[in-house]
Amino acid sequence: MDKYDVIIVGGGIAGLTAAVALQQEGLNIRLIEKTDRLGGRMKTDVVEGYQLDRGFQVLLTAYPETQQLLDYNALELRNFYPGAQIFYKGRFHKFADPFRKPIDSIRSFTNPVSNFGDKLKIVGLRNRTRRLEVEDIFSEAEQTTIDYLKEWSFSSKIINSFFKPFMGGIFLEPYLLTSSRMFEFVFKMFSTGYAALPKDGMEAIPKQLAKKLKPESIILNKEVVRVSEGGVSLSSGEELMSSVVLVATDANTLNKLLPSYNADTSFNSVRCLYFTADEPPTKDAFLYLNGENDAWINNVVIPSNIHKSYAPKGKSLISVSVVKPSKLSDTELYIAVREELCEWFGKEVVSKWIHLKTYNIQHALPAMPKVKYPSKKEIEAVSKGIFVCGDHAHDASINGAMRSGRINAEAISWHLALAVNQ
């Protein structure tokens, strides 16, 4: 029976990143994924010629890990407008980044979703987060994001009309109970980079990582049912041996494989509705936010305005995200969302849209009331020969998943090197 240096359980972003790093160290690895596709929660389905990301997702181009590991040019990234359109009291109001869109910012100076003091505080917050290193942000005292914004004395108007829908769409929870560390980190990323989409959908990111691996190192459609020192057992009855096992699964699967680890299994959820149209409601690359918190819609985007590849020629794709907790059925939610869309874009326009698909993603993102940011020195085996990585063990972002995978790979490389020399 062959013995590998490292077996990686789980083919999401963290597992793929670790696999790439370990392979670059010359180690003999096997990455085992129980489904037929790599990428974990980052998937893009092609339905009737439309590219549907499983839940609206973006790549923040300022992420330190993605800048090091991904080829942005090959992904053909295109950016969203640095700002948003906020639906408030029956109409849209532009909210622009004052540094990258100064003219638009001046024009929107009197919009009703913020006051002069709010705008000054945003500049101050931007300067603060740009000045801080990422490590500094994650060592700050922690509180909820909503308390952090109140401590900064932002008005209730801008908190409700901008921060709640904007950050709520990122955290996938509408009450801003997520750690203030995560808020500052995300704000820094938006202040120093852009939100972007790859030409071929968000799954292009894990696909690019997978291309760095030797094809024979990837095993699909095989489920690991037991992890132990020295290897793993598959549901098929196969036994694979290795010097180290890296568990890179979601928290629920991790707890099944390693009950003593006791990972936090709190998740935030999202419901994403996709519509098709012959014409987009607008031709701009905006994020459209719900500035009135009593509605169902959190945000609307038109991915085909960013990349035409998201929809067949002559068609448009509209994505609607709902993060507000709900017991509505898919049909009930569809009716409620469609009514709100009519208010936003007009009944005559929306009446021509066709509902394509609804995604109910219960385990969309680990909840982040507290955020971990382990240093390289803190990474060690959780049991003899067994390591753990993933965004649940770090911060819940693409960057967090990648960093967790990378620093675990570095720790494993040292672990194996020391074992050889003993």
Protein backbone atom coordinates (compact mmCIF):
# COMPACT_ATOMS: atom_id res chain seq x y z
CA MET A 1 0.00 0.00 0.00
CA ASP A 2 1.32 3.43 -0.98
CA LYS A 3 2.02 5.93 1.77
CA TYR A 4 1.73 9.64 1.10
CA ASP A 5 3.43 12.49 2.90
CA VAL A 6 0.15 14.34 3.39
CA ILE A 7 -3.51 13.53 2.78
CA ILE A 8 -5.77 16.59 2.61
CA VAL A 9 -9.44 15.97 3.37
CA GLY A 10 -11.63 18.52 1.61
CA GLY A 11 -11.20 20.34 -1.68
CA GLY A 12 -12.38 23.82 -0.76
CA ILE A 13 -10.25 26.96 -0.95
CA ALA A 14 -8.31 26.16 2.24
CA GLY A 15 -7.56 22.58 1.19
CA LEU A 16 -6.56 23.61 -2.33
CA THR A 17 -4.25 26.34 -1.05
CA ALA A 18 -2.58 23.91 1.35
CA ALA A 19 -2.22 21.34 -1.42
CA VAL A 20 -0.51 23.84 -3.72
CA ALA A 21 1.90 24.93 -0.99
CA LEU A 22 2.74 21.35 0.04
CA GLN A 23 3.28 20.25 -3.54
CA GLN A 24 5.63 23.19 -4.07
CA GLU A 25 7.67 21.81 -1.16
CA GLY A 26 8.09 18.59 -3.14
CA LEU A 27 5.82 16.52 -0.92
CA ASN A 28 3.75 13.59 -2.18
CA ILE A 29 0.14 14.58 -1.47
CA ARG A 30 -3.38 13.41 -2.10
CA LEU A 31 -6.37 15.75 -1.89
CA ILE A 32 -9.66 13.90 -1.33
CA GLU A 33 -12.99 15.58 -2.13
CA LYS A 34 -16.26 13.74 -1.53
CA THR A 35 -18.16 15.55 -4.34
CA ASP A 36 -17.53 15.64 -8.07
CA ARG A 37 -16.13 19.22 -8.01
CA LEU A 38 -13.51 21.14 -6.13
CA GLY A 39 -14.17 24.54 -4.60
CA GLY A 40 -16.23 23.87 -1.48
CA ARG A 41 -18.82 26.63 -1.12
CA MET A 42 -17.39 28.48 -4.09
CA LYS A 43 -19.35 27.02 -6.99
CA THR A 44 -20.72 28.35 -10.29
CA ASP A 45 -23.51 26.43 -11.99
CA VAL A 46 -24.28 26.86 -15.68
CA VAL A 47 -28.06 26.85 -16.14
CA GLU A 48 -29.53 27.47 -19.59
CA GLY A 49 -26.37 29.34 -20.55
CA TYR A 50 -26.33 31.54 -17.43
CA GLN A 51 -23.49 31.45 -14.87
CA LEU A 52 -25.02 31.22 -11.42
CA ASP A 53 -22.68 31.63 -8.49
CA ARG A 54 -24.07 29.75 -5.51
CA GLY A 55 -24.94 32.86 -3.60
CA PHE A 56 -23.67 36.29 -4.63
CA GLN A 57 -19.93 36.38 -4.00
CA VAL A 58 -17.10 38.70 -5.00
CA LEU A 59 -13.33 38.67 -4.90
CA LEU A 60 -11.81 41.60 -3.03
CA THR A 61 -8.72 42.37 -5.08
CA ALA A 62 -6.80 43.74 -2.08
CA TYR A 63 -6.80 40.37 -0.27
CA PRO A 64 -3.10 39.71 0.54
CA GLU A 65 -3.36 35.95 0.00
CA THR A 66 -5.14 36.10 -3.35
CA GLN A 67 -2.66 38.68 -4.62
CA GLN A 68 0.14 36.19 -3.95
CA LEU A 69 -1.52 33.03 -5.22
CA LEU A 70 -3.96 33.95 -7.98
CA ASP A 71 -3.34 35.18 -11.52
CA TYR A 72 -5.77 38.08 -11.73
CA ASN A 73 -5.15 38.59 -15.44
CA ALA A 74 -6.01 34.98 -16.23
CA LEU A 75 -9.23 35.32 -14.22
CA GLU A 76 -10.10 38.39 -16.32
CA LEU A 77 -11.40 40.26 -13.31
CA ARG A 78 -13.75 43.17 -13.75
CA ASN A 79 -14.59 45.56 -10.96
CA PHE A 80 -17.80 46.83 -9.47
CA TYR A 81 -18.33 50.57 -9.19
CA PRO A 82 -16.64 51.74 -5.94
CA GLY A 83 -19.80 52.67 -4.12
CA ALA A 84 -23.45 51.71 -4.29
CA GLN A 85 -26.95 52.76 -5.25
CA ILE A 86 -29.15 52.82 -2.16
CA PHE A 87 -32.94 52.45 -2.45
CA TYR A 88 -34.41 54.78 0.13
CA LYS A 89 -37.84 56.39 0.31
CA GLY A 90 -38.91 55.33 -3.16
CA ARG A 91 -35.81 56.13 -5.17
CA PHE A 92 -32.13 55.33 -5.61
CA HIS A 93 -29.36 57.49 -4.15
CA LYS A 94 -25.76 57.14 -5.26
CA PHE A 95 -23.22 56.57 -2.50
CA ALA A 96 -19.74 56.97 -4.01
CA ASP A 97 -16.19 56.44 -2.75
CA PRO A 98 -14.99 60.04 -2.28
CA PHE A 99 -11.39 59.15 -3.15
CA ARG A 100 -11.96 57.13 -6.32
CA LYS A 101 -15.14 58.83 -7.49
CA PRO A 102 -14.76 62.37 -6.11
CA ILE A 103 -17.10 64.02 -8.64
CA ASP A 104 -19.87 61.50 -8.02
CA SER A 105 -19.29 61.90 -4.29
CA ILE A 106 -19.69 65.66 -4.49
CA ARG A 107 -22.84 65.30 -6.59
CA SER A 108 -24.32 62.92 -4.01
CA PHE A 109 -23.29 65.15 -1.12
CA THR A 110 -26.85 66.03 -0.17
CA ASN A 111 -28.30 62.53 -0.44
CA PRO A 112 -30.64 61.68 2.45
CA VAL A 113 -28.90 58.47 3.57
CA SER A 114 -26.12 60.26 5.47
CA ASN A 115 -25.12 63.61 6.89
CA PHE A 116 -21.93 65.68 6.69
CA GLY A 117 -20.58 64.20 9.92
CA ASP A 118 -21.04 60.66 8.57
CA LYS A 119 -19.01 61.50 5.48
CA LEU A 120 -16.17 62.88 7.59
CA LYS A 121 -16.22 59.77 9.76
CA ILE A 122 -16.03 57.51 6.70
CA VAL A 123 -12.91 59.38 5.60
CA GLY A 124 -11.47 58.95 9.08
CA LEU A 125 -12.33 55.25 9.14
CA ARG A 126 -10.79 54.79 5.72
CA ASN A 127 -7.56 56.50 6.81
CA ARG A 128 -7.43 54.43 9.99
CA THR A 129 -7.88 51.06 8.32
CA ARG A 130 -5.47 51.87 5.49
CA ARG A 131 -2.83 52.80 8.06
CA LEU A 132 -3.22 49.61 10.11
CA GLU A 133 -1.58 46.36 9.09
CA VAL A 134 -3.91 43.36 8.83
CA GLU A 135 -2.23 41.77 11.85
CA ASP A 136 -2.89 44.95 13.85
CA ILE A 137 -6.58 44.90 12.93
CA PHE A 138 -6.99 41.32 14.12
CA SER A 139 -5.32 42.09 17.44
CA GLU A 140 -7.67 44.99 18.22
CA ALA A 141 -10.20 44.77 21.05
CA GLU A 142 -13.34 43.04 19.82
CA GLN A 143 -16.97 44.14 19.91
CA THR A 144 -19.91 43.75 17.54
CA THR A 145 -19.83 45.77 14.35
CA ILE A 146 -23.04 47.57 15.30
CA ASP A 147 -21.53 48.68 18.63
CA TYR A 148 -18.35 49.72 16.83
CA LEU A 149 -20.30 51.96 14.43
CA LYS A 150 -22.25 53.48 17.30
CA GLU A 151 -19.00 54.10 19.17
CA TRP A 152 -17.82 56.06 16.12
CA SER A 153 -21.06 58.07 16.44
CA PHE A 154 -22.31 57.28 12.95
CA SER A 155 -25.90 58.39 12.54
CA SER A 156 -28.67 55.80 12.72
CA LYS A 157 -29.59 56.86 9.20
CA ILE A 158 -26.31 55.76 7.59
CA ILE A 159 -26.09 52.66 9.79
CA ASN A 160 -29.54 51.51 8.66
CA SER A 161 -29.38 52.63 5.04
CA PHE A 162 -25.77 51.82 4.14
CA PHE A 163 -23.80 49.81 6.69
CA LYS A 164 -26.53 47.26 7.47
CA PRO A 165 -27.26 46.25 3.86
CA PHE A 166 -23.67 46.65 2.65
CA MET A 167 -21.86 44.81 5.43
CA GLY A 168 -24.86 42.56 6.05
CA GLY A 169 -24.51 41.30 2.49
CA ILE A 170 -20.87 40.44 3.18
CA PHE A 171 -21.37 38.93 6.64
CA LEU A 172 -24.72 37.36 5.62
CA GLU A 173 -26.43 38.62 8.75
CA PRO A 174 -28.51 41.81 8.90
CA TYR A 175 -27.92 42.84 12.50
CA LEU A 176 -24.14 43.46 12.31
CA LEU A 177 -23.34 41.16 15.20
CA THR A 178 -20.14 40.15 13.42
CA SER A 179 -16.81 41.02 15.05
CA SER A 180 -15.55 44.57 14.63
CA ARG A 181 -12.20 43.07 13.64
CA MET A 182 -13.84 41.57 10.58
CA PHE A 183 -15.52 44.88 9.81
CA GLU A 184 -12.25 46.80 9.91
CA PHE A 185 -10.52 44.17 7.77
CA VAL A 186 -13.25 44.23 5.12
CA PHE A 187 -13.38 48.03 5.18
CA LYS A 188 -9.61 48.11 4.63
CA MET A 189 -9.94 45.74 1.67
CA PHE A 190 -12.60 47.92 0.06
CA SER A 191 -10.52 51.04 0.74
CA THR A 192 -7.40 49.65 -0.91
CA GLY A 193 -8.88 47.51 -3.70
CA TYR A 194 -12.05 46.65 -5.57
CA ALA A 195 -14.85 44.09 -5.51
CA ALA A 196 -14.53 42.05 -8.69
CA LEU A 197 -15.93 39.08 -10.58
CA PRO A 198 -13.96 36.59 -12.73
CA LYS A 199 -15.13 36.13 -16.31
CA ASP A 200 -16.10 32.48 -15.74
CA GLY A 201 -17.75 32.95 -12.35
CA MET A 202 -16.41 32.55 -8.85
CA GLU A 203 -15.64 28.86 -9.35
CA ALA A 204 -12.86 30.00 -11.69
CA ILE A 205 -10.85 30.70 -8.52
CA PRO A 206 -10.69 27.11 -7.20
CA LYS A 207 -10.29 25.86 -10.77
CA GLN A 208 -7.20 28.03 -11.16
CA LEU A 209 -5.78 26.66 -7.91
CA ALA A 210 -6.51 23.08 -9.00
CA LYS A 211 -4.56 23.60 -12.23
CA LYS A 212 -1.43 24.08 -10.12
CA LEU A 213 -1.76 20.51 -8.80
CA LYS A 214 -0.71 17.29 -10.45
CA PRO A 215 -3.90 15.62 -11.77
CA GLU A 216 -3.08 12.35 -10.03
CA SER A 217 -2.95 14.14 -6.66
CA ILE A 218 -6.71 14.87 -6.75
CA ILE A 219 -9.29 12.24 -5.78
CA LEU A 220 -12.96 13.13 -6.37
CA ASN A 221 -16.18 11.34 -5.39
CA LYS A 222 -14.54 9.66 -2.41
CA GLU A 223 -15.74 10.31 1.14
CA VAL A 224 -13.42 10.12 4.13
CA VAL A 225 -15.25 8.56 7.08
CA ARG A 226 -12.40 8.19 9.55
CA VAL A 227 -9.21 10.11 10.26
CA SER A 228 -6.45 8.70 12.43
CA GLU A 229 -2.75 8.92 12.97
CA GLY A 230 -1.26 7.40 9.87
CA GLY A 231 -4.05 7.85 7.36
CA VAL A 232 -7.74 7.87 6.50
CA SER A 233 -10.54 5.42 5.80
CA LEU A 234 -12.96 5.92 2.89
CA SER A 235 -16.64 5.00 2.71
CA SER A 236 -15.68 2.52 -0.01
CA GLY A 237 -13.62 0.60 2.55
CA GLU A 238 -10.27 1.76 1.18
CA GLU A 239 -7.49 2.68 3.59
CA LEU A 240 -4.97 5.36 2.58
CA MET A 241 -1.77 5.84 4.58
CA SER A 242 0.07 9.09 5.17
CA SER A 243 2.53 10.69 7.55
CA VAL A 244 0.17 13.63 8.13
CA VAL A 245 -3.54 14.25 7.60
CA LEU A 246 -4.83 17.80 7.09
CA VAL A 247 -8.58 18.12 7.64
CA ALA A 248 -9.80 21.02 5.49
CA THR A 249 -13.54 20.45 5.65
CA ASP A 250 -16.42 22.56 6.93
CA ALA A 251 -16.96 22.62 10.69
CA ASN A 252 -19.81 20.10 10.71
CA THR A 253 -17.80 17.47 8.82
CA LEU A 254 -14.75 18.25 10.93
CA ASN A 255 -16.65 17.47 14.13
CA LYS A 256 -17.77 14.13 12.70
CA LEU A 257 -14.22 13.18 11.78
CA LEU A 258 -12.61 14.62 14.93
CA PRO A 259 -15.26 14.75 17.68
CA SER A 260 -12.75 15.95 20.25
CA TYR A 261 -11.96 19.08 18.21
CA ASN A 262 -15.42 20.62 18.83
CA ALA A 263 -15.43 23.25 16.08
CA ASP A 264 -18.03 26.02 16.24
CA THR A 265 -20.79 25.06 13.80
CA SER A 266 -22.67 28.39 13.81
CA PHE A 267 -23.36 29.50 10.25
CA ASN A 268 -24.99 32.47 8.56
CA SER A 269 -27.33 31.71 5.68
CA VAL A 270 -28.49 33.39 2.49
CA ARG A 271 -31.23 32.90 -0.06
CA CYS A 272 -30.30 33.96 -3.56
CA LEU A 273 -32.84 34.38 -6.36
CA TYR A 274 -31.77 34.65 -9.99
CA PHE A 275 -33.84 36.27 -12.73
CA THR A 276 -33.32 36.60 -16.47
CA ALA A 277 -34.30 39.53 -18.63
CA ASP A 278 -33.93 40.67 -22.22
CA GLU A 279 -32.75 44.04 -20.95
CA PRO A 280 -31.08 44.92 -17.63
CA PRO A 281 -32.89 47.46 -15.45
CA THR A 282 -29.72 49.58 -15.67
CA LYS A 283 -26.47 49.17 -17.57
CA ASP A 284 -24.18 50.13 -14.67
CA ALA A 285 -21.84 47.96 -12.56
CA PHE A 286 -23.46 48.92 -9.26
CA LEU A 287 -24.36 47.10 -6.11
CA TYR A 288 -27.97 48.04 -5.32
CA LEU A 289 -28.74 48.13 -1.61
CA ASN A 290 -31.95 48.15 0.38
CA GLY A 291 -31.78 51.27 2.53
CA GLU A 292 -35.04 50.42 4.27
CA ASN A 293 -34.48 47.51 6.66
CA ASP A 294 -38.09 46.33 6.83
CA ALA A 295 -37.92 44.81 3.34
CA TRP A 296 -36.81 41.31 2.28
CA ILE A 297 -34.25 42.25 -0.35
CA ASN A 298 -30.79 43.01 0.99
CA ASN A 299 -29.05 43.68 -2.31
CA VAL A 300 -29.41 43.33 -6.05
CA VAL A 301 -26.61 42.95 -8.58
CA ILE A 302 -26.54 42.47 -12.34
CA PRO A 303 -23.53 40.17 -12.92
CA SER A 304 -23.95 40.37 -16.71
CA ASN A 305 -23.26 44.11 -16.46
CA ILE A 306 -19.85 43.21 -15.03
CA HIS A 307 -19.13 40.32 -17.41
CA LYS A 308 -21.34 39.57 -20.42
CA SER A 309 -20.27 35.92 -20.00
CA TYR A 310 -22.70 35.61 -17.08
CA ALA A 311 -25.65 35.51 -19.50
CA PRO A 312 -26.30 34.31 -23.06
CA LYS A 313 -25.96 36.88 -25.81
CA GLY A 314 -28.78 39.40 -25.73
CA LYS A 315 -29.82 38.44 -22.19
CA SER A 316 -29.19 39.76 -18.69
CA LEU A 317 -28.81 38.07 -15.32
CA ILE A 318 -30.11 39.65 -12.10
CA SER A 319 -29.15 38.34 -8.65
CA VAL A 320 -31.18 39.11 -5.52
CA SER A 321 -29.85 38.29 -2.03
CA VAL A 322 -31.98 37.84 1.09
CA VAL A 323 -30.13 37.59 4.41
CA LYS A 324 -33.04 38.37 6.71
CA PRO A 325 -34.05 35.19 8.61
CA SER A 326 -37.27 33.80 7.16
CA LYS A 327 -39.57 30.79 7.28
CA LEU A 328 -41.18 31.74 3.98
CA SER A 329 -41.38 29.02 1.37
CA ASP A 330 -39.55 29.56 -1.91
CA THR A 331 -42.84 30.54 -3.56
CA GLU A 332 -43.77 32.98 -0.80
CA LEU A 333 -40.32 34.54 -0.86
CA TYR A 334 -40.39 34.81 -4.65
CA ILE A 335 -43.72 36.69 -4.50
CA ALA A 336 -42.48 39.04 -1.77
CA VAL A 337 -39.18 39.72 -3.55
CA ARG A 338 -40.89 40.34 -6.87
CA GLU A 339 -43.20 42.93 -5.28
CA GLU A 340 -40.19 44.76 -3.87
CA LEU A 341 -38.36 44.59 -7.19
CA CYS A 342 -41.35 46.30 -8.80
CA GLU A 343 -40.96 49.14 -6.31
CA TRP A 344 -37.26 49.40 -7.10
CA PHE A 345 -37.24 49.15 -10.88
CA GLY A 346 -40.87 49.55 -11.96
CA LYS A 347 -43.65 47.03 -12.50
CA GLU A 348 -43.47 47.28 -16.28
CA VAL A 349 -39.75 46.39 -16.24
CA VAL A 350 -39.90 43.59 -13.66
CA SER A 351 -42.99 41.97 -15.22
CA LYS A 352 -40.75 40.86 -18.10
CA TRP A 353 -38.24 39.11 -15.84
CA ILE A 354 -38.24 35.33 -15.65
CA HIS A 355 -37.32 33.54 -12.43
CA LEU A 356 -34.47 31.15 -13.16
CA LYS A 357 -33.44 29.57 -9.85
CA THR A 358 -33.45 30.05 -6.08
CA TYR A 359 -30.59 28.89 -3.86
CA ASN A 360 -31.23 28.27 -0.16
CA ILE A 361 -27.75 28.15 1.35
CA GLN A 362 -28.05 27.32 5.02
CA HIS A 363 -24.32 26.94 5.66
CA ALA A 364 -23.14 29.87 3.57
CA LEU A 365 -20.57 31.41 5.92
CA PRO A 366 -19.27 30.66 9.42
CA ALA A 367 -20.71 33.11 11.92
CA MET A 368 -18.08 35.53 13.20
CA PRO A 369 -19.02 37.06 16.58
CA LYS A 370 -15.39 36.39 17.46
CA VAL A 371 -12.57 36.14 14.92
CA LYS A 372 -9.40 34.07 15.15
CA TYR A 373 -6.22 35.13 13.41
CA PRO A 374 -3.59 32.61 14.48
CA SER A 375 0.08 33.37 13.98
CA LYS A 376 2.30 30.86 12.22
CA LYS A 377 3.81 29.90 15.58
CA GLU A 378 0.40 28.91 16.92
CA ILE A 379 -0.23 26.27 14.26
CA GLU A 380 0.34 22.78 15.55
CA ALA A 381 -1.16 19.32 15.28
CA VAL A 382 -4.52 18.96 17.01
CA SER A 383 -3.69 15.30 17.50
CA LYS A 384 -0.61 13.30 16.59
CA GLY A 385 -0.09 13.68 12.84
CA ILE A 386 -3.38 15.54 12.32
CA PHE A 387 -3.80 19.23 11.43
CA VAL A 388 -6.92 21.35 10.80
CA CYS A 389 -7.47 24.33 8.51
CA GLY A 390 -10.39 26.32 7.11
CA ASP A 391 -12.11 29.68 7.35
CA HIS A 392 -13.92 28.47 10.50
CA ALA A 393 -10.47 28.27 12.16
CA HIS A 394 -9.48 31.71 10.91
CA ASP A 395 -11.70 34.47 9.55
CA ALA A 396 -14.61 33.70 7.22
CA SER A 397 -13.32 35.08 3.93
CA ILE A 398 -11.49 33.87 0.85
CA ASN A 399 -8.37 35.43 2.32
CA GLY A 400 -8.91 33.68 5.67
CA ALA A 401 -9.39 30.29 4.03
CA MET A 402 -6.26 30.72 1.94
CA ARG A 403 -4.13 31.95 4.84
CA SER A 404 -5.31 29.09 7.01
CA GLY A 405 -4.37 26.60 4.29
CA ARG A 406 -1.00 28.23 3.68
CA ILE A 407 0.20 28.51 7.27
CA ASN A 408 -0.90 24.96 8.02
CA ALA A 409 1.05 23.77 4.99
CA GLU A 410 4.12 25.59 6.29
CA ALA A 411 3.68 24.02 9.72
CA ILE A 412 3.28 20.56 8.19
CA SER A 413 6.41 21.00 6.07
CA TRP A 414 8.41 21.81 9.20
CA HIS A 415 6.79 18.94 11.07
CA LEU A 416 7.83 16.47 8.37
CA ALA A 417 11.31 17.94 8.04
CA LEU A 418 11.92 17.62 11.77
CA ALA A 419 10.56 14.07 11.78
CA VAL A 420 13.07 13.05 9.10
CA ASN A 421 15.96 14.55 11.05
CA GLN A 422 15.04 12.91 14.36
